[in-house]
Amino acid sequence: MDVWKRAVVAGSLGAAAVLFIKRKHPAGVLATGVGLAVLAAEYPEKFESIRRSLPDYFDRGMRVLEMAGRAGRRIADSSNGHGFEAWEEIGG
């Protein structure tokens, strides 16, 4: 990769980090997009493989969220309406 492309990627990702820390999320997403676009232009085959595997990652994430939701429902059901006491028992 050329030096100027590395500088664009590093600069945009660094700027994105600062913008996210300052809670300027739309600008942070835009800066991240610039860095990712330069990387995608340089390595299209790697980004194609990532694009193909994204549905698998989403499926795994949804399964994790479903398990967490089920666990939360079980905790709520087992507390028999005494949510505050149950929360205090686990150290909340």
C-alpha atoms as a PDB file:
ATOM      1  CA  MET A   1       0.000   0.000   0.000  1.00  0.00           C
ATOM      2  CA  ASP A   2       1.247   3.450  -0.837  1.00  0.00           C
ATOM      3  CA  VAL A   3       2.347   5.770   1.937  1.00  0.00           C
ATOM      4  CA  TRP A   4      -0.401   8.290   1.242  1.00  0.00           C
ATOM      5  CA  LYS A   5      -3.064   5.585   1.475  1.00  0.00           C
ATOM      6  CA  ARG A   6      -1.685   4.478   4.831  1.00  0.00           C
ATOM      7  CA  ALA A   7      -1.794   8.085   5.996  1.00  0.00           C
ATOM      8  CA  VAL A   8      -5.420   8.456   4.866  1.00  0.00           C
ATOM      9  CA  VAL A   9      -6.448   5.241   6.629  1.00  0.00           C
ATOM     10  CA  ALA A  10      -4.598   6.068   9.845  1.00  0.00           C
ATOM     11  CA  GLY A  11      -5.815   9.664   9.841  1.00  0.00           C
ATOM     12  CA  SER A  12      -9.428   8.800   9.190  1.00  0.00           C
ATOM     13  CA  LEU A  13      -9.515   6.045  11.810  1.00  0.00           C
ATOM     14  CA  GLY A  14      -7.793   8.286  14.354  1.00  0.00           C
ATOM     15  CA  ALA A  15     -10.203  11.107  13.597  1.00  0.00           C
ATOM     16  CA  ALA A  16     -13.103   8.678  13.900  1.00  0.00           C
ATOM     17  CA  ALA A  17     -11.905   7.585  17.329  1.00  0.00           C
ATOM     18  CA  VAL A  18     -11.710  11.182  18.516  1.00  0.00           C
ATOM     19  CA  LEU A  19     -15.128  11.970  17.069  1.00  0.00           C
ATOM     20  CA  PHE A  20     -16.710   8.953  18.749  1.00  0.00           C
ATOM     21  CA  ILE A  21     -15.138   9.943  22.069  1.00  0.00           C
ATOM     22  CA  LYS A  22     -16.571  13.455  21.651  1.00  0.00           C
ATOM     23  CA  ARG A  23     -19.978  11.847  20.935  1.00  0.00           C
ATOM     24  CA  LYS A  24     -20.160  13.115  17.363  1.00  0.00           C
ATOM     25  CA  HIS A  25     -21.333   9.784  16.023  1.00  0.00           C
ATOM     26  CA  PRO A  26     -22.413  10.758  12.472  1.00  0.00           C
ATOM     27  CA  ALA A  27     -19.055  12.386  11.795  1.00  0.00           C
ATOM     28  CA  GLY A  28     -17.262   9.401  13.318  1.00  0.00           C
ATOM     29  CA  VAL A  29     -19.141   7.003  11.055  1.00  0.00           C
ATOM     30  CA  LEU A  30     -18.268   9.158   8.048  1.00  0.00           C
ATOM     31  CA  ALA A  31     -14.563   9.228   8.955  1.00  0.00           C
ATOM     32  CA  THR A  32     -14.570   5.466   9.501  1.00  0.00           C
ATOM     33  CA  GLY A  33     -16.231   5.016   6.121  1.00  0.00           C
ATOM     34  CA  VAL A  34     -13.453   6.955   4.412  1.00  0.00           C
ATOM     35  CA  GLY A  35     -10.796   4.712   5.939  1.00  0.00           C
ATOM     36  CA  LEU A  36     -12.714   1.556   5.086  1.00  0.00           C
ATOM     37  CA  ALA A  37     -13.292   2.735   1.511  1.00  0.00           C
ATOM     38  CA  VAL A  38      -9.557   3.208   0.988  1.00  0.00           C
ATOM     39  CA  LEU A  39      -8.875  -0.239   2.455  1.00  0.00           C
ATOM     40  CA  ALA A  40     -11.596  -1.818   0.322  1.00  0.00           C
ATOM     41  CA  ALA A  41     -10.141  -0.245  -2.807  1.00  0.00           C
ATOM     42  CA  GLU A  42      -6.699  -1.624  -1.957  1.00  0.00           C
ATOM     43  CA  TYR A  43      -7.806  -5.129  -0.886  1.00  0.00           C
ATOM     44  CA  PRO A  44     -11.087  -5.944  -2.677  1.00  0.00           C
ATOM     45  CA  GLU A  45     -10.734  -9.731  -2.378  1.00  0.00           C
ATOM     46  CA  LYS A  46     -10.428  -9.604   1.422  1.00  0.00           C
ATOM     47  CA  PHE A  47     -13.458  -7.349   1.734  1.00  0.00           C
ATOM     48  CA  GLU A  48     -15.428  -9.669  -0.520  1.00  0.00           C
ATOM     49  CA  SER A  49     -14.736 -12.596   1.815  1.00  0.00           C
ATOM     50  CA  ILE A  50     -15.732 -10.458   4.809  1.00  0.00           C
ATOM     51  CA  ARG A  51     -18.938  -9.440   3.035  1.00  0.00           C
ATOM     52  CA  ARG A  52     -19.781 -13.078   2.393  1.00  0.00           C
ATOM     53  CA  SER A  53     -19.269 -14.038   6.046  1.00  0.00           C
ATOM     54  CA  LEU A  54     -21.315 -11.186   7.552  1.00  0.00           C
ATOM     55  CA  PRO A  55     -24.617 -13.125   7.652  1.00  0.00           C
ATOM     56  CA  ASP A  56     -22.937 -15.811   9.774  1.00  0.00           C
ATOM     57  CA  TYR A  57     -21.747 -13.187  12.247  1.00  0.00           C
ATOM     58  CA  PHE A  58     -25.232 -11.663  12.441  1.00  0.00           C
ATOM     59  CA  ASP A  59     -26.785 -15.086  13.031  1.00  0.00           C
ATOM     60  CA  ARG A  60     -24.359 -15.807  15.864  1.00  0.00           C
ATOM     61  CA  GLY A  61     -25.010 -12.397  17.394  1.00  0.00           C
ATOM     62  CA  MET A  62     -28.752 -12.916  17.256  1.00  0.00           C
ATOM     63  CA  ARG A  63     -28.388 -16.302  18.962  1.00  0.00           C
ATOM     64  CA  VAL A  64     -26.370 -14.716  21.758  1.00  0.00           C
ATOM     65  CA  LEU A  65     -28.997 -11.999  22.216  1.00  0.00           C
ATOM     66  CA  GLU A  66     -31.790 -14.589  22.271  1.00  0.00           C
ATOM     67  CA  MET A  67     -29.963 -16.577  24.967  1.00  0.00           C
ATOM     68  CA  ALA A  68     -29.446 -13.414  27.018  1.00  0.00           C
ATOM     69  CA  GLY A  69     -33.140 -12.552  26.665  1.00  0.00           C
ATOM     70  CA  ARG A  70     -34.171 -16.034  27.779  1.00  0.00           C
ATOM     71  CA  ALA A  71     -31.825 -15.825  30.759  1.00  0.00           C
ATOM     72  CA  GLY A  72     -33.289 -12.442  31.700  1.00  0.00           C
ATOM     73  CA  ARG A  73     -36.825 -13.799  31.507  1.00  0.00           C
ATOM     74  CA  ARG A  74     -35.860 -16.762  33.706  1.00  0.00           C
ATOM     75  CA  ILE A  75     -34.314 -14.460  36.275  1.00  0.00           C
ATOM     76  CA  ALA A  76     -37.408 -12.251  36.244  1.00  0.00           C
ATOM     77  CA  ASP A  77     -39.717 -15.265  36.534  1.00  0.00           C
ATOM     78  CA  SER A  78     -37.753 -16.790  39.379  1.00  0.00           C
ATOM     79  CA  SER A  79     -37.829 -13.565  41.371  1.00  0.00           C
ATOM     80  CA  ASN A  80     -41.649 -13.804  41.551  1.00  0.00           C
ATOM     81  CA  GLY A  81     -42.108 -10.081  41.183  1.00  0.00           C
ATOM     82  CA  HIS A  82     -39.442  -9.187  43.699  1.00  0.00           C
ATOM     83  CA  GLY A  83     -37.073  -7.738  41.133  1.00  0.00           C
ATOM     84  CA  PHE A  84     -35.493  -5.209  43.443  1.00  0.00           C
ATOM     85  CA  GLU A  85     -34.687  -7.826  46.060  1.00  0.00           C
ATOM     86  CA  ALA A  86     -33.253 -10.141  43.398  1.00  0.00           C
ATOM     87  CA  TRP A  87     -31.162  -7.275  42.040  1.00  0.00           C
ATOM     88  CA  GLU A  88     -29.826  -6.555  45.519  1.00  0.00           C
ATOM     89  CA  GLU A  89     -29.008 -10.235  46.030  1.00  0.00           C
ATOM     90  CA  ILE A  90     -26.738 -10.321  42.978  1.00  0.00           C
ATOM     91  CA  GLY A  91     -24.989  -7.137  44.059  1.00  0.00           C
ATOM     92  CA  GLY A  92     -26.722  -4.515  41.915  1.00  0.00           C
END
